[in-house]
Amino acid sequence: MTFDNRMFEAGSWNAEFHPDLAPTADEVTVAPHKNLDVLATTDLDIELKRRGVEHVVLAGMIGTMCVESTARTAMERGYEVTLVKDATAPEGGPTAYDEMLRRYELVAHHVLTTGELLATEPFADC
């Protein structure tokens, strides 16, 4: 639906990066994709491996679909995976959120809050 409705298409309403989060010239960005799993349908895995990245931190708007799918693939491809539980939301309210967190424990090395993540290295000095 997101792809078919051209949501978040470059130049459309609310598709721009927040100024504090905009990528710099040396950071990797990926084009929109039709799959739930960003590692399966973009060159992100290649770009991460080329840069020696071994640990990915994931959060997102639909944690029970895109975030979880990408986490599973990242685990299968050998990345250390951290999911940020208070920066991710499922469809369906509190019960769905609790179920999502139970599954996250199975598909990630770490499930942290934003505060817990920011207290870890290398974020502690930010």
N, C-alpha and C. Protein backbone atom coordinates (compact mmCIF):
# COMPACT_ATOMS: atom_id res chain seq x y z
N MET A 1 0.82 -1.19 0.00
CA MET A 1 0.00 0.00 0.00
C MET A 1 0.87 1.26 0.00
N THR A 2 1.92 1.26 0.82
CA THR A 2 2.81 2.42 0.88
C THR A 2 3.40 2.71 -0.49
N PHE A 3 3.88 1.65 -1.16
CA PHE A 3 4.50 1.83 -2.47
C PHE A 3 3.46 2.24 -3.51
N ASP A 4 2.32 1.55 -3.53
CA ASP A 4 1.28 1.84 -4.51
C ASP A 4 0.73 3.25 -4.36
N ASN A 5 0.64 3.73 -3.14
CA ASN A 5 0.13 5.08 -2.89
C ASN A 5 1.22 6.15 -2.95
N ARG A 6 2.44 5.71 -3.25
CA ARG A 6 3.59 6.61 -3.39
C ARG A 6 3.85 7.44 -2.12
N MET A 7 3.58 6.79 -0.98
CA MET A 7 3.83 7.47 0.29
C MET A 7 5.33 7.64 0.49
N PHE A 8 5.73 8.74 1.03
CA PHE A 8 7.12 9.07 1.31
C PHE A 8 7.97 9.21 0.05
N GLU A 9 7.35 9.42 -1.09
CA GLU A 9 8.09 9.64 -2.33
C GLU A 9 8.83 10.98 -2.24
N ALA A 10 10.06 11.00 -2.74
CA ALA A 10 10.86 12.22 -2.70
C ALA A 10 10.06 13.40 -3.25
N GLY A 11 10.06 14.48 -2.50
CA GLY A 11 9.36 15.69 -2.92
C GLY A 11 7.90 15.75 -2.49
N SER A 12 7.35 14.66 -1.96
CA SER A 12 5.95 14.67 -1.53
C SER A 12 5.85 15.15 -0.08
N TRP A 13 4.63 15.42 0.35
CA TRP A 13 4.39 15.92 1.69
C TRP A 13 4.96 14.97 2.73
N ASN A 14 5.71 15.51 3.65
CA ASN A 14 6.24 14.81 4.82
C ASN A 14 7.23 13.70 4.48
N ALA A 15 7.87 13.77 3.32
CA ALA A 15 8.84 12.75 2.94
C ALA A 15 10.27 13.17 3.22
N GLU A 16 10.48 14.42 3.59
CA GLU A 16 11.84 14.90 3.84
C GLU A 16 12.34 14.43 5.20
N PHE A 17 13.64 14.38 5.33
CA PHE A 17 14.24 14.04 6.61
C PHE A 17 14.11 15.21 7.57
N HIS A 18 13.94 14.91 8.84
CA HIS A 18 14.01 15.95 9.86
C HIS A 18 15.42 16.52 9.81
N PRO A 19 15.60 17.82 9.91
CA PRO A 19 16.94 18.41 9.80
C PRO A 19 17.98 17.80 10.74
N ASP A 20 17.57 17.40 11.94
CA ASP A 20 18.51 16.80 12.88
C ASP A 20 18.90 15.38 12.50
N LEU A 21 18.13 14.77 11.60
CA LEU A 21 18.37 13.37 11.23
C LEU A 21 18.75 13.18 9.77
N ALA A 22 18.90 14.27 9.05
CA ALA A 22 19.21 14.17 7.62
C ALA A 22 20.56 13.49 7.41
N PRO A 23 20.64 12.59 6.42
CA PRO A 23 21.91 11.90 6.17
C PRO A 23 22.97 12.86 5.64
N THR A 24 24.20 12.59 6.01
CA THR A 24 25.32 13.36 5.48
C THR A 24 25.80 12.69 4.20
N ALA A 25 26.72 13.33 3.51
CA ALA A 25 27.20 12.81 2.22
C ALA A 25 27.84 11.44 2.35
N ASP A 26 28.42 11.11 3.48
CA ASP A 26 29.10 9.82 3.64
C ASP A 26 28.19 8.73 4.21
N GLU A 27 26.92 9.02 4.45
CA GLU A 27 25.99 8.03 4.98
C GLU A 27 25.18 7.38 3.86
N VAL A 28 24.86 6.12 4.06
CA VAL A 28 24.13 5.35 3.06
C VAL A 28 22.63 5.60 3.21
N THR A 29 21.96 5.84 2.11
CA THR A 29 20.50 5.87 2.09
C THR A 29 20.05 4.86 1.03
N VAL A 30 18.87 4.32 1.19
CA VAL A 30 18.34 3.36 0.22
C VAL A 30 17.03 3.89 -0.34
N ALA A 31 16.77 3.51 -1.58
CA ALA A 31 15.54 3.92 -2.23
C ALA A 31 14.37 3.12 -1.67
N PRO A 32 13.16 3.63 -1.82
CA PRO A 32 12.00 2.86 -1.37
C PRO A 32 11.98 1.48 -2.02
N HIS A 33 11.41 0.54 -1.32
CA HIS A 33 11.38 -0.83 -1.80
C HIS A 33 9.98 -1.39 -1.60
N LYS A 34 9.67 -2.47 -2.31
CA LYS A 34 8.34 -3.06 -2.24
C LYS A 34 8.24 -4.20 -1.24
N ASN A 35 9.34 -4.61 -0.68
CA ASN A 35 9.36 -5.74 0.21
C ASN A 35 9.35 -5.26 1.66
N LEU A 36 8.91 -6.10 2.56
CA LEU A 36 8.93 -5.74 3.98
C LEU A 36 10.34 -5.68 4.54
N ASP A 37 11.26 -6.34 3.89
CA ASP A 37 12.62 -6.51 4.38
C ASP A 37 13.59 -5.67 3.55
N VAL A 38 14.12 -4.62 4.13
CA VAL A 38 15.01 -3.72 3.39
C VAL A 38 16.31 -4.40 2.96
N LEU A 39 16.75 -5.40 3.68
CA LEU A 39 17.98 -6.10 3.29
C LEU A 39 17.76 -7.02 2.09
N ALA A 40 16.52 -7.45 1.89
CA ALA A 40 16.24 -8.39 0.81
C ALA A 40 16.11 -7.72 -0.56
N THR A 41 15.77 -6.45 -0.61
CA THR A 41 15.43 -5.83 -1.90
C THR A 41 16.21 -4.56 -2.22
N THR A 42 17.25 -4.28 -1.46
CA THR A 42 18.10 -3.11 -1.74
C THR A 42 19.56 -3.56 -1.66
N ASP A 43 20.44 -2.62 -1.92
CA ASP A 43 21.87 -2.94 -1.81
C ASP A 43 22.42 -2.57 -0.42
N LEU A 44 21.54 -2.41 0.56
CA LEU A 44 21.99 -2.02 1.89
C LEU A 44 22.96 -3.02 2.49
N ASP A 45 22.70 -4.31 2.35
CA ASP A 45 23.60 -5.33 2.89
C ASP A 45 25.00 -5.17 2.31
N ILE A 46 25.09 -4.95 1.02
CA ILE A 46 26.39 -4.76 0.35
C ILE A 46 27.08 -3.52 0.90
N GLU A 47 26.34 -2.44 1.03
CA GLU A 47 26.91 -1.19 1.53
C GLU A 47 27.39 -1.33 2.97
N LEU A 48 26.63 -2.03 3.80
CA LEU A 48 27.04 -2.22 5.19
C LEU A 48 28.30 -3.08 5.27
N LYS A 49 28.33 -4.16 4.51
CA LYS A 49 29.50 -5.04 4.52
C LYS A 49 30.73 -4.32 3.98
N ARG A 50 30.55 -3.51 2.96
CA ARG A 50 31.67 -2.75 2.39
C ARG A 50 32.27 -1.80 3.42
N ARG A 51 31.46 -1.32 4.33
CA ARG A 51 31.91 -0.38 5.37
C ARG A 51 32.32 -1.09 6.66
N GLY A 52 32.24 -2.42 6.67
CA GLY A 52 32.65 -3.17 7.86
C GLY A 52 31.64 -3.14 9.00
N VAL A 53 30.40 -2.82 8.71
CA VAL A 53 29.37 -2.77 9.75
C VAL A 53 29.00 -4.19 10.17
N GLU A 54 29.00 -4.42 11.47
CA GLU A 54 28.66 -5.74 12.00
C GLU A 54 27.45 -5.71 12.91
N HIS A 55 27.00 -4.50 13.30
CA HIS A 55 25.91 -4.35 14.27
C HIS A 55 24.90 -3.37 13.67
N VAL A 56 23.64 -3.78 13.60
CA VAL A 56 22.59 -2.89 13.13
C VAL A 56 21.60 -2.63 14.25
N VAL A 57 21.09 -1.41 14.28
CA VAL A 57 20.07 -1.00 15.24
C VAL A 57 18.84 -0.65 14.42
N LEU A 58 17.70 -1.27 14.77
CA LEU A 58 16.49 -1.09 13.98
C LEU A 58 15.34 -0.55 14.82
N ALA A 59 14.57 0.34 14.22
CA ALA A 59 13.33 0.86 14.78
C ALA A 59 12.48 1.26 13.59
N GLY A 60 11.19 1.46 13.81
CA GLY A 60 10.37 1.86 12.68
C GLY A 60 8.90 1.96 13.00
N MET A 61 8.15 2.27 11.95
CA MET A 61 6.73 2.55 12.13
C MET A 61 5.88 1.30 12.30
N ILE A 62 6.20 0.21 11.64
CA ILE A 62 5.40 -1.01 11.80
C ILE A 62 6.34 -2.13 12.21
N GLY A 63 6.52 -2.26 13.50
CA GLY A 63 7.50 -3.18 14.05
C GLY A 63 7.20 -4.64 13.81
N THR A 64 5.93 -4.97 13.59
CA THR A 64 5.57 -6.37 13.38
C THR A 64 5.73 -6.79 11.93
N MET A 65 6.10 -5.88 11.08
CA MET A 65 6.28 -6.23 9.67
C MET A 65 7.70 -5.90 9.22
N CYS A 66 7.94 -4.68 8.83
CA CYS A 66 9.23 -4.30 8.24
C CYS A 66 10.39 -4.46 9.22
N VAL A 67 10.25 -3.97 10.42
CA VAL A 67 11.34 -4.03 11.39
C VAL A 67 11.67 -5.49 11.72
N GLU A 68 10.65 -6.27 12.01
CA GLU A 68 10.88 -7.67 12.37
C GLU A 68 11.46 -8.46 11.19
N SER A 69 10.95 -8.24 9.98
CA SER A 69 11.47 -8.94 8.80
C SER A 69 12.93 -8.60 8.56
N THR A 70 13.27 -7.33 8.66
CA THR A 70 14.65 -6.92 8.46
C THR A 70 15.55 -7.48 9.56
N ALA A 71 15.06 -7.52 10.79
CA ALA A 71 15.84 -8.08 11.90
C ALA A 71 16.14 -9.56 11.66
N ARG A 72 15.17 -10.30 11.20
CA ARG A 72 15.38 -11.73 10.94
C ARG A 72 16.46 -11.92 9.88
N THR A 73 16.38 -11.18 8.79
CA THR A 73 17.38 -11.30 7.74
C THR A 73 18.75 -10.87 8.23
N ALA A 74 18.79 -9.80 9.00
CA ALA A 74 20.07 -9.34 9.54
C ALA A 74 20.72 -10.41 10.41
N MET A 75 19.91 -11.07 11.24
CA MET A 75 20.44 -12.17 12.07
C MET A 75 20.98 -13.28 11.18
N GLU A 76 20.21 -13.65 10.16
CA GLU A 76 20.63 -14.73 9.25
C GLU A 76 21.92 -14.39 8.51
N ARG A 77 22.14 -13.11 8.27
CA ARG A 77 23.34 -12.68 7.54
C ARG A 77 24.51 -12.37 8.46
N GLY A 78 24.35 -12.63 9.75
CA GLY A 78 25.46 -12.53 10.67
C GLY A 78 25.65 -11.21 11.38
N TYR A 79 24.71 -10.29 11.27
CA TYR A 79 24.82 -9.03 11.99
C TYR A 79 24.41 -9.22 13.44
N GLU A 80 24.99 -8.42 14.33
CA GLU A 80 24.46 -8.28 15.68
C GLU A 80 23.28 -7.32 15.55
N VAL A 81 22.15 -7.68 16.12
CA VAL A 81 20.92 -6.91 15.91
C VAL A 81 20.41 -6.36 17.24
N THR A 82 20.13 -5.05 17.25
CA THR A 82 19.47 -4.40 18.37
C THR A 82 18.17 -3.80 17.87
N LEU A 83 17.08 -4.08 18.57
CA LEU A 83 15.78 -3.50 18.27
C LEU A 83 15.44 -2.49 19.36
N VAL A 84 14.91 -1.34 18.95
CA VAL A 84 14.59 -0.27 19.89
C VAL A 84 13.08 -0.29 20.15
N LYS A 85 12.71 -0.81 21.30
CA LYS A 85 11.30 -1.11 21.55
C LYS A 85 10.40 0.10 21.75
N ASP A 86 10.93 1.23 22.20
CA ASP A 86 10.07 2.39 22.37
C ASP A 86 10.15 3.35 21.18
N ALA A 87 10.80 2.91 20.12
CA ALA A 87 10.86 3.69 18.88
C ALA A 87 10.27 2.88 17.73
N THR A 88 9.44 1.90 18.09
CA THR A 88 8.82 1.00 17.13
C THR A 88 7.40 0.74 17.60
N ALA A 89 6.48 0.69 16.65
CA ALA A 89 5.08 0.45 17.01
C ALA A 89 4.48 -0.61 16.10
N PRO A 90 3.64 -1.46 16.65
CA PRO A 90 2.91 -2.42 15.83
C PRO A 90 1.54 -1.87 15.46
N GLU A 91 0.87 -2.54 14.55
CA GLU A 91 -0.54 -2.26 14.35
C GLU A 91 -1.30 -3.01 15.43
N GLY A 92 -2.26 -2.37 16.09
CA GLY A 92 -3.12 -3.13 16.98
C GLY A 92 -3.11 -2.81 18.46
N GLY A 93 -2.39 -1.82 18.92
CA GLY A 93 -2.49 -1.41 20.31
C GLY A 93 -1.63 -2.18 21.29
N PRO A 94 -1.94 -2.05 22.59
CA PRO A 94 -1.08 -2.60 23.65
C PRO A 94 -0.86 -4.11 23.58
N THR A 95 -1.90 -4.88 23.28
CA THR A 95 -1.72 -6.33 23.20
C THR A 95 -0.76 -6.69 22.08
N ALA A 96 -0.91 -6.06 20.94
CA ALA A 96 -0.01 -6.30 19.81
C ALA A 96 1.41 -5.88 20.16
N TYR A 97 1.54 -4.81 20.94
CA TYR A 97 2.87 -4.34 21.35
C TYR A 97 3.56 -5.39 22.22
N ASP A 98 2.84 -5.94 23.18
CA ASP A 98 3.41 -6.97 24.05
C ASP A 98 3.82 -8.21 23.25
N GLU A 99 2.98 -8.61 22.29
CA GLU A 99 3.31 -9.75 21.44
C GLU A 99 4.55 -9.46 20.59
N MET A 100 4.64 -8.23 20.07
CA MET A 100 5.79 -7.83 19.27
C MET A 100 7.07 -7.95 20.10
N LEU A 101 7.04 -7.48 21.34
CA LEU A 101 8.23 -7.54 22.19
C LEU A 101 8.64 -8.97 22.49
N ARG A 102 7.68 -9.88 22.67
CA ARG A 102 8.02 -11.29 22.88
C ARG A 102 8.74 -11.86 21.66
N ARG A 103 8.28 -11.53 20.47
CA ARG A 103 8.95 -12.02 19.25
C ARG A 103 10.32 -11.37 19.08
N TYR A 104 10.43 -10.10 19.46
CA TYR A 104 11.72 -9.41 19.34
C TYR A 104 12.81 -10.14 20.10
N GLU A 105 12.49 -10.69 21.24
CA GLU A 105 13.49 -11.43 22.02
C GLU A 105 14.03 -12.62 21.23
N LEU A 106 13.26 -13.12 20.27
CA LEU A 106 13.68 -14.27 19.46
C LEU A 106 14.48 -13.88 18.22
N VAL A 107 14.34 -12.64 17.75
CA VAL A 107 14.96 -12.25 16.49
C VAL A 107 16.04 -11.18 16.64
N ALA A 108 16.47 -10.91 17.88
CA ALA A 108 17.48 -9.89 18.09
C ALA A 108 18.40 -10.28 19.24
N HIS A 109 19.60 -9.75 19.20
CA HIS A 109 20.53 -9.95 20.31
C HIS A 109 20.18 -9.07 21.50
N HIS A 110 19.65 -7.87 21.19
CA HIS A 110 19.34 -6.89 22.23
C HIS A 110 18.00 -6.24 21.90
N VAL A 111 17.18 -6.03 22.91
CA VAL A 111 15.94 -5.27 22.79
C VAL A 111 16.00 -4.20 23.86
N LEU A 112 16.20 -2.95 23.44
CA LEU A 112 16.47 -1.84 24.37
C LEU A 112 15.49 -0.70 24.19
N THR A 113 15.37 0.14 25.19
CA THR A 113 14.67 1.41 25.03
C THR A 113 15.64 2.39 24.38
N THR A 114 15.13 3.50 23.92
CA THR A 114 15.99 4.53 23.34
C THR A 114 17.02 4.99 24.36
N GLY A 115 16.59 5.22 25.59
CA GLY A 115 17.52 5.64 26.65
C GLY A 115 18.61 4.63 26.91
N GLU A 116 18.23 3.35 26.96
CA GLU A 116 19.23 2.30 27.17
C GLU A 116 20.23 2.26 26.02
N LEU A 117 19.73 2.40 24.80
CA LEU A 117 20.62 2.40 23.63
C LEU A 117 21.60 3.58 23.69
N LEU A 118 21.08 4.76 23.99
CA LEU A 118 21.93 5.94 24.02
C LEU A 118 22.96 5.90 25.15
N ALA A 119 22.72 5.09 26.15
CA ALA A 119 23.68 4.94 27.26
C ALA A 119 24.80 3.96 26.93
N THR A 120 24.69 3.23 25.82
CA THR A 120 25.71 2.26 25.44
C THR A 120 26.75 2.90 24.54
N GLU A 121 27.91 2.23 24.45
CA GLU A 121 28.91 2.67 23.48
C GLU A 121 28.42 2.30 22.10
N PRO A 122 28.60 3.07 21.10
CA PRO A 122 29.36 4.32 21.03
C PRO A 122 28.52 5.56 21.29
N PHE A 123 27.28 5.39 21.73
CA PHE A 123 26.37 6.52 21.87
C PHE A 123 26.54 7.31 23.15
N ALA A 124 27.18 6.76 24.14
CA ALA A 124 27.28 7.38 25.46
C ALA A 124 27.90 8.77 25.42
N ASP A 125 28.77 9.03 24.45
CA ASP A 125 29.43 10.33 24.39
C ASP A 125 28.69 11.34 23.51
N CYS A 126 27.54 10.96 22.96
CA CYS A 126 26.80 11.87 22.06
C CYS A 126 26.08 12.94 22.83
